[in-house]
Amino acid sequence: MKSDPLKYIRYGFEAFGLWILLLVFSLLPAQAASNFGGWIGRSIGPRLAASRKARRNLENALPDLSEARKDEIIKGMWDNLGRLFAEYPHLETLSAEHTEIIGGEILQEAIDSPKGAVFFGGHLGNFDINAGAVFKQYNHAIGISYRAPNNPWSDKLLIKARTLNGRLKVYSKSRHGGKNMMTAIKNGGELGILIDQKYNQGIAMPFFGMDAMTNTFFVQLAQKYKCPLIPIRNRRLDGANFSLTFYDPIEVEGKSVEEVVAEAHSLLEGFIKETPEQWLWLHRRWSDGPKDKEQG
């Protein structure tokens, strides 16, 4: 198949624009950058067409909300998203100095265990701080599973920030990445996976009462290698300050994959309901129509 030169020209402009923005945010102190990004997000985001998708998801998942509350959540979501983007150049500082780790004894036990561990969570708060906080505060590197953007040059810029300049290992959500993640757990490593994105090759599982195509890989890893499956939660406290909580492992032995996924979804639903402004409602997590229809 022939390459599309226009696509690569577009990629080049996109990556250059991203580089400029990250440079501007890097020149500001972490808190100021976060505040600036939040202002941009909540000023522009609610006006974008993408907010209609967020509103549909809100209406389906939390139908009892008033219109005013929906507006408030969508504005807060864009504020959080703008802050998250502006915080990319400051992830190391935020991980070391602005993140309180709760449940550190659970984390330490997992680090000390030769079995490895799978940590799972959702796109809450600034989820890109999770592995960095462990690295900076516990001097231990946890692998990160992520979905690469289509633009390879933008991907390189973001990966540099997410991995603290290459000090953390990243695994793409692909067949090759899956094999590498299996090897990492087999060798006693730890892996962080965010489980709240739509995965068409997964299984349909209830999430806020609606079927959502879900990747079960995080459960299969824990069951295959008999390692703990540990829920985590990132929460933005105020501005550019966070808490990262580690919870007791979910029991996976003797349970079906569906049972474990259901428990994981129930936990995530609780986290999201407590701070709905901090979840990425823009995700195409469900179909727009009946449960059995696939979203295009």
Protein backbone atom coordinates (compact mmCIF):
# COMPACT_ATOMS: atom_id res chain seq x y z
CA MET A 1 0.00 0.00 0.00
CA LYS A 2 1.32 3.46 -0.99
CA SER A 3 2.07 5.92 1.77
CA ASP A 4 0.02 9.08 1.99
CA PRO A 5 2.38 12.10 1.91
CA LEU A 6 -0.39 14.44 3.06
CA LYS A 7 -0.88 12.34 6.15
CA TYR A 8 2.77 12.66 7.10
CA ILE A 9 2.71 16.39 6.45
CA ARG A 10 -0.28 16.63 8.79
CA TYR A 11 1.53 14.48 11.34
CA GLY A 12 4.51 16.80 11.14
CA PHE A 13 2.42 19.91 11.80
CA GLU A 14 0.58 18.18 14.64
CA ALA A 15 3.81 17.05 16.29
CA PHE A 16 5.38 20.49 15.89
CA GLY A 17 2.34 22.11 17.48
CA LEU A 18 2.48 19.61 20.33
CA TRP A 19 6.18 20.32 20.84
CA ILE A 20 5.52 24.08 21.00
CA LEU A 21 2.74 23.64 23.57
CA LEU A 22 4.83 21.33 25.74
CA LEU A 23 7.70 23.81 25.54
CA VAL A 24 5.46 26.68 26.69
CA PHE A 25 4.09 24.64 29.60
CA SER A 26 7.61 23.52 30.55
CA LEU A 27 8.67 27.16 31.03
CA LEU A 28 6.01 27.62 33.72
CA PRO A 29 6.12 26.23 37.27
CA ALA A 30 4.13 23.03 37.62
CA GLN A 31 1.18 24.61 39.45
CA ALA A 32 1.01 27.56 37.07
CA ALA A 33 1.14 25.28 34.04
CA SER A 34 -1.65 23.15 35.48
CA ASN A 35 -3.79 26.22 36.19
CA PHE A 36 -3.21 27.58 32.69
CA GLY A 37 -4.05 24.25 31.09
CA GLY A 38 -7.19 23.96 33.21
CA TRP A 39 -8.34 27.42 32.15
CA ILE A 40 -7.82 26.56 28.47
CA GLY A 41 -9.64 23.26 28.87
CA ARG A 42 -12.74 24.57 30.62
CA SER A 43 -12.89 27.68 28.39
CA ILE A 44 -12.73 25.86 25.05
CA GLY A 45 -13.66 22.23 25.70
CA PRO A 46 -17.39 22.59 26.51
CA ARG A 47 -17.86 24.40 23.18
CA LEU A 48 -16.42 21.52 21.14
CA ALA A 49 -18.57 18.94 19.37
CA ALA A 50 -16.84 16.22 21.38
CA SER A 51 -18.73 17.43 24.45
CA ARG A 52 -21.92 16.05 22.92
CA LYS A 53 -20.42 12.57 23.17
CA ALA A 54 -19.50 13.21 26.80
CA ARG A 55 -23.05 14.35 27.54
CA ARG A 56 -24.54 11.22 25.90
CA ASN A 57 -22.27 9.03 28.02
CA LEU A 58 -23.26 10.93 31.16
CA GLU A 59 -26.95 10.67 30.36
CA ASN A 60 -26.67 6.92 29.82
CA ALA A 61 -24.42 6.14 32.79
CA LEU A 62 -25.85 8.58 35.37
CA PRO A 63 -29.40 9.29 34.17
CA ASP A 64 -30.58 10.94 37.41
CA LEU A 65 -28.29 13.94 37.08
CA SER A 66 -29.78 17.38 36.50
CA GLU A 67 -28.82 19.33 33.36
CA ALA A 68 -26.91 21.80 35.52
CA ARG A 69 -24.91 19.00 37.11
CA LYS A 70 -24.11 17.52 33.69
CA ASP A 71 -22.81 20.90 32.56
CA GLU A 72 -20.71 21.13 35.71
CA ILE A 73 -19.21 17.66 35.18
CA ILE A 74 -18.40 18.29 31.52
CA LYS A 75 -16.72 21.59 32.36
CA GLY A 76 -14.78 19.88 35.17
CA MET A 77 -13.75 17.07 32.81
CA TRP A 78 -12.29 19.58 30.36
CA ASP A 79 -10.55 21.38 33.22
CA ASN A 80 -8.95 18.10 34.31
CA LEU A 81 -8.02 17.20 30.74
CA GLY A 82 -6.44 20.61 30.11
CA ARG A 83 -4.49 20.32 33.34
CA LEU A 84 -3.35 16.81 32.49
CA PHE A 85 -1.95 17.95 29.15
CA ALA A 86 -0.20 20.97 30.64
CA GLU A 87 1.33 18.76 33.34
CA TYR A 88 3.20 16.52 30.89
CA PRO A 89 6.49 18.48 31.14
CA HIS A 90 6.23 18.34 34.95
CA LEU A 91 5.38 14.67 35.52
CA GLU A 92 8.63 14.01 37.37
CA THR A 93 8.13 16.88 39.79
CA LEU A 94 4.46 16.06 40.31
CA SER A 95 5.27 12.38 40.87
CA ALA A 96 7.92 13.15 43.49
CA GLU A 97 6.52 16.18 45.31
CA HIS A 98 2.80 16.53 44.59
CA THR A 99 1.47 12.97 44.94
CA GLU A 100 0.56 11.30 48.22
CA ILE A 101 0.73 7.51 48.07
CA ILE A 102 -1.93 5.79 50.19
CA GLY A 103 -1.75 2.07 50.86
CA GLY A 104 2.00 2.02 50.53
CA GLU A 105 2.24 -1.24 52.46
CA ILE A 106 0.20 -2.98 49.73
CA LEU A 107 2.50 -1.52 47.07
CA GLN A 108 5.64 -2.51 48.99
CA GLU A 109 4.42 -6.07 49.44
CA ALA A 110 3.82 -6.36 45.70
CA ILE A 111 7.25 -4.94 44.93
CA ASP A 112 8.92 -7.39 47.32
CA SER A 113 7.04 -10.43 46.00
CA PRO A 114 8.80 -12.60 43.38
CA LYS A 115 5.41 -13.23 41.73
CA GLY A 116 5.11 -9.74 40.28
CA ALA A 117 1.79 -7.87 40.21
CA VAL A 118 -0.83 -6.38 37.94
CA PHE A 119 -2.12 -2.94 38.96
CA PHE A 120 -5.34 -1.81 37.29
CA GLY A 121 -7.25 1.44 37.30
CA GLY A 122 -9.01 3.93 35.05
CA HIS A 123 -8.47 7.26 33.35
CA LEU A 124 -9.00 9.29 36.52
CA GLY A 125 -7.16 12.36 37.79
CA ASN A 126 -3.75 12.45 36.16
CA PHE A 127 -3.31 8.77 35.41
CA ASP A 128 0.08 9.40 33.77
CA ILE A 129 1.54 10.09 37.22
CA ASN A 130 0.85 6.60 38.60
CA ALA A 131 4.01 4.76 37.57
CA GLY A 132 6.14 7.88 37.97
CA ALA A 133 5.08 8.33 41.59
CA VAL A 134 6.10 4.76 42.41
CA PHE A 135 9.42 5.26 40.65
CA LYS A 136 10.25 8.56 42.35
CA GLN A 137 9.02 7.64 45.84
CA TYR A 138 9.83 3.91 45.98
CA ASN A 139 12.73 3.80 43.51
CA HIS A 140 10.99 1.04 41.59
CA ALA A 141 10.00 0.96 37.93
CA ILE A 142 6.59 -0.43 36.95
CA GLY A 143 5.81 -1.14 33.30
CA ILE A 144 3.04 0.87 31.64
CA SER A 145 0.49 -0.40 29.14
CA TYR A 146 -0.76 2.31 26.78
CA ARG A 147 -2.57 2.86 23.51
CA ALA A 148 -0.28 4.66 21.07
CA PRO A 149 -1.66 7.63 19.12
CA ASN A 150 -1.71 7.36 15.33
CA ASN A 151 0.90 10.09 14.95
CA PRO A 152 4.30 8.43 15.61
CA TRP A 153 6.12 11.72 16.21
CA SER A 154 3.57 12.90 18.75
CA ASP A 155 3.82 9.46 20.34
CA LYS A 156 7.57 9.91 20.84
CA LEU A 157 7.06 13.27 22.55
CA LEU A 158 4.42 11.91 24.91
CA ILE A 159 6.34 8.70 25.64
CA LYS A 160 9.38 10.73 26.65
CA ALA A 161 7.26 12.52 29.26
CA ARG A 162 5.31 9.46 30.41
CA THR A 163 8.44 7.37 30.94
CA LEU A 164 10.38 10.13 32.72
CA ASN A 165 12.88 10.29 29.87
CA GLY A 166 12.99 6.55 29.27
CA ARG A 167 13.32 5.34 32.85
CA LEU A 168 9.99 3.50 32.76
CA LYS A 169 9.12 0.65 30.42
CA VAL A 170 6.10 1.05 28.15
CA TYR A 171 4.12 -1.65 26.33
CA SER A 172 1.77 -0.83 23.50
CA LYS A 173 -1.69 -2.41 23.45
CA SER A 174 -0.89 -4.76 20.59
CA ARG A 175 -0.12 -8.42 20.01
CA HIS A 176 3.61 -7.76 20.32
CA GLY A 177 3.09 -5.61 23.41
CA GLY A 178 0.92 -8.31 24.97
CA LYS A 179 3.69 -10.89 24.57
CA ASN A 180 6.17 -8.54 26.22
CA MET A 181 3.77 -7.88 29.10
CA MET A 182 3.38 -11.61 29.66
CA THR A 183 7.16 -11.98 29.74
CA ALA A 184 7.47 -9.14 32.24
CA ILE A 185 4.95 -10.69 34.65
CA LYS A 186 6.44 -14.16 34.15
CA ASN A 187 9.80 -12.74 35.24
CA GLY A 188 8.33 -11.23 38.41
CA GLY A 189 7.78 -7.69 37.15
CA GLU A 190 4.88 -5.34 37.74
CA LEU A 191 2.53 -3.86 35.20
CA GLY A 192 0.01 -1.03 35.27
CA ILE A 193 -3.07 -1.30 33.03
CA LEU A 194 -6.00 1.10 32.58
CA ILE A 195 -9.05 -1.03 31.85
CA ASP A 196 -11.78 1.49 31.00
CA GLN A 197 -11.33 1.82 27.23
CA LYS A 198 -13.45 0.08 24.64
CA TYR A 199 -11.84 -3.07 23.22
CA ASN A 200 -13.76 -4.55 20.31
CA GLN A 201 -12.02 -7.92 20.58
CA GLY A 202 -12.95 -8.27 24.24
CA ILE A 203 -16.12 -9.45 25.94
CA ALA A 204 -19.32 -7.52 26.63
CA MET A 205 -19.52 -6.76 30.35
CA PRO A 206 -21.87 -4.45 32.25
CA PHE A 207 -20.39 -1.06 33.08
CA PHE A 208 -22.86 1.40 34.62
CA GLY A 209 -25.58 -1.03 33.59
CA MET A 210 -24.64 -1.05 29.90
CA ASP A 211 -22.66 -3.61 27.97
CA ALA A 212 -19.10 -2.43 27.33
CA MET A 213 -16.56 -4.34 25.25
CA THR A 214 -13.79 -5.05 27.74
CA ASN A 215 -10.25 -6.36 27.45
CA THR A 216 -9.83 -9.26 29.91
CA PHE A 217 -6.05 -9.45 29.55
CA PHE A 218 -5.41 -7.95 32.99
CA VAL A 219 -7.39 -10.75 34.64
CA GLN A 220 -5.86 -13.47 32.49
CA LEU A 221 -2.37 -12.31 33.41
CA ALA A 222 -3.11 -12.47 37.13
CA GLN A 223 -4.73 -15.90 36.85
CA LYS A 224 -2.08 -17.42 34.60
CA TYR A 225 0.90 -16.28 36.67
CA LYS A 226 -0.85 -16.34 40.08
CA CYS A 227 0.14 -12.78 40.89
CA PRO A 228 -1.92 -10.23 42.82
CA LEU A 229 -4.43 -8.08 40.94
CA ILE A 230 -4.37 -4.73 42.71
CA PRO A 231 -6.83 -1.86 42.17
CA ILE A 232 -5.39 1.65 42.12
CA ARG A 233 -6.96 5.09 42.01
CA ASN A 234 -5.47 8.43 41.04
CA ARG A 235 -7.39 11.41 42.42
CA ARG A 236 -6.76 15.09 41.78
CA LEU A 237 -7.05 16.78 45.17
CA ASP A 238 -6.68 20.41 44.15
CA GLY A 239 -4.77 22.04 41.32
CA ALA A 240 -1.68 19.94 40.68
CA ASN A 241 -1.83 17.84 43.85
CA PHE A 242 -2.85 14.18 43.85
CA SER A 243 -3.38 11.05 45.86
CA LEU A 244 -2.54 7.60 44.49
CA THR A 245 -4.27 4.84 46.43
CA PHE A 246 -3.44 1.13 46.35
CA TYR A 247 -6.24 -1.19 47.48
CA ASP A 248 -6.23 -4.79 48.68
CA PRO A 249 -5.85 -7.27 45.81
CA ILE A 250 -8.93 -8.76 44.17
CA GLU A 251 -9.19 -12.53 44.60
CA VAL A 252 -8.83 -14.22 41.21
CA GLU A 253 -8.30 -17.86 42.12
CA GLY A 254 -11.35 -20.06 41.61
CA LYS A 255 -13.29 -17.31 39.82
CA SER A 256 -14.26 -16.93 36.19
CA VAL A 257 -12.81 -14.08 34.16
CA GLU A 258 -16.29 -12.55 34.00
CA GLU A 259 -16.64 -12.55 37.78
CA VAL A 260 -13.33 -10.75 38.24
CA VAL A 261 -14.09 -8.19 35.53
CA ALA A 262 -17.49 -7.53 37.14
CA GLU A 263 -15.79 -6.82 40.48
CA ALA A 264 -13.21 -4.57 38.82
CA HIS A 265 -15.95 -2.65 37.00
CA SER A 266 -17.89 -2.21 40.23
CA LEU A 267 -14.84 -0.64 41.87
CA LEU A 268 -14.27 1.71 38.95
CA GLU A 269 -17.91 2.75 38.92
CA GLY A 270 -17.61 3.74 42.58
CA PHE A 271 -14.46 5.78 41.91
CA ILE A 272 -16.08 7.57 38.96
CA LYS A 273 -19.29 8.35 40.85
CA GLU A 274 -17.28 10.01 43.63
CA THR A 275 -15.38 12.31 41.23
CA PRO A 276 -17.14 12.21 37.84
CA GLU A 277 -15.34 15.38 36.72
CA GLN A 278 -12.07 13.48 36.78
CA TRP A 279 -13.06 10.69 34.38
CA LEU A 280 -12.64 10.92 30.61
CA TRP A 281 -16.27 10.83 29.47
CA LEU A 282 -15.07 11.35 25.90
CA HIS A 283 -14.16 7.67 25.61
CA ARG A 284 -16.30 5.62 23.24
CA ARG A 285 -16.85 3.14 26.04
CA TRP A 286 -20.34 2.07 25.02
CA SER A 287 -22.45 1.93 21.88
CA ASP A 288 -24.77 4.86 21.31
CA GLY A 289 -27.72 2.62 20.57
CA PRO A 290 -29.05 -0.62 22.06
CA LYS A 291 -26.69 -2.83 24.01
CA ASP A 292 -26.18 -5.27 21.17
CA LYS A 293 -25.21 -2.62 18.60
CA GLU A 294 -21.53 -1.91 17.98
CA GLN A 295 -20.52 1.70 17.84
CA GLY A 296 -18.92 2.64 14.55
